[in-house]
Amino acid sequence: MATQMTIRIDEDLAAFVDQAAQSGEGSRADVINRVIRRELRRRAAVRDAQIYASITDSDVESDAYAQWATSNADQVFSDLD
């Protein structure tokens, strides 16, 4: 079930939401929900990268991945959608 909220956002963000909605990406609520879900996935990925980085493994390949994940944790990748 959806919860109705009243929020205030900056004008540039409102323009982004309106442009996305007008270009057929769904309603304002759809656009905002999608952005919030993307942020939730990004935060989960950052947590995962931190976990991988904190684990030492005798497998060199795993350690290399942990280093890569840590250094790239704050990047937003288009394939998250």
Foldseek 3Di string as FASTA:
>chain_A
DDDDDDDDDDPVVVVVLVVCCVVPVNHSVSVVVVVVVLVVVLVVLQVVLVVLCVDDDPPVVSNVVSVVSNVCSNDRDPVSD
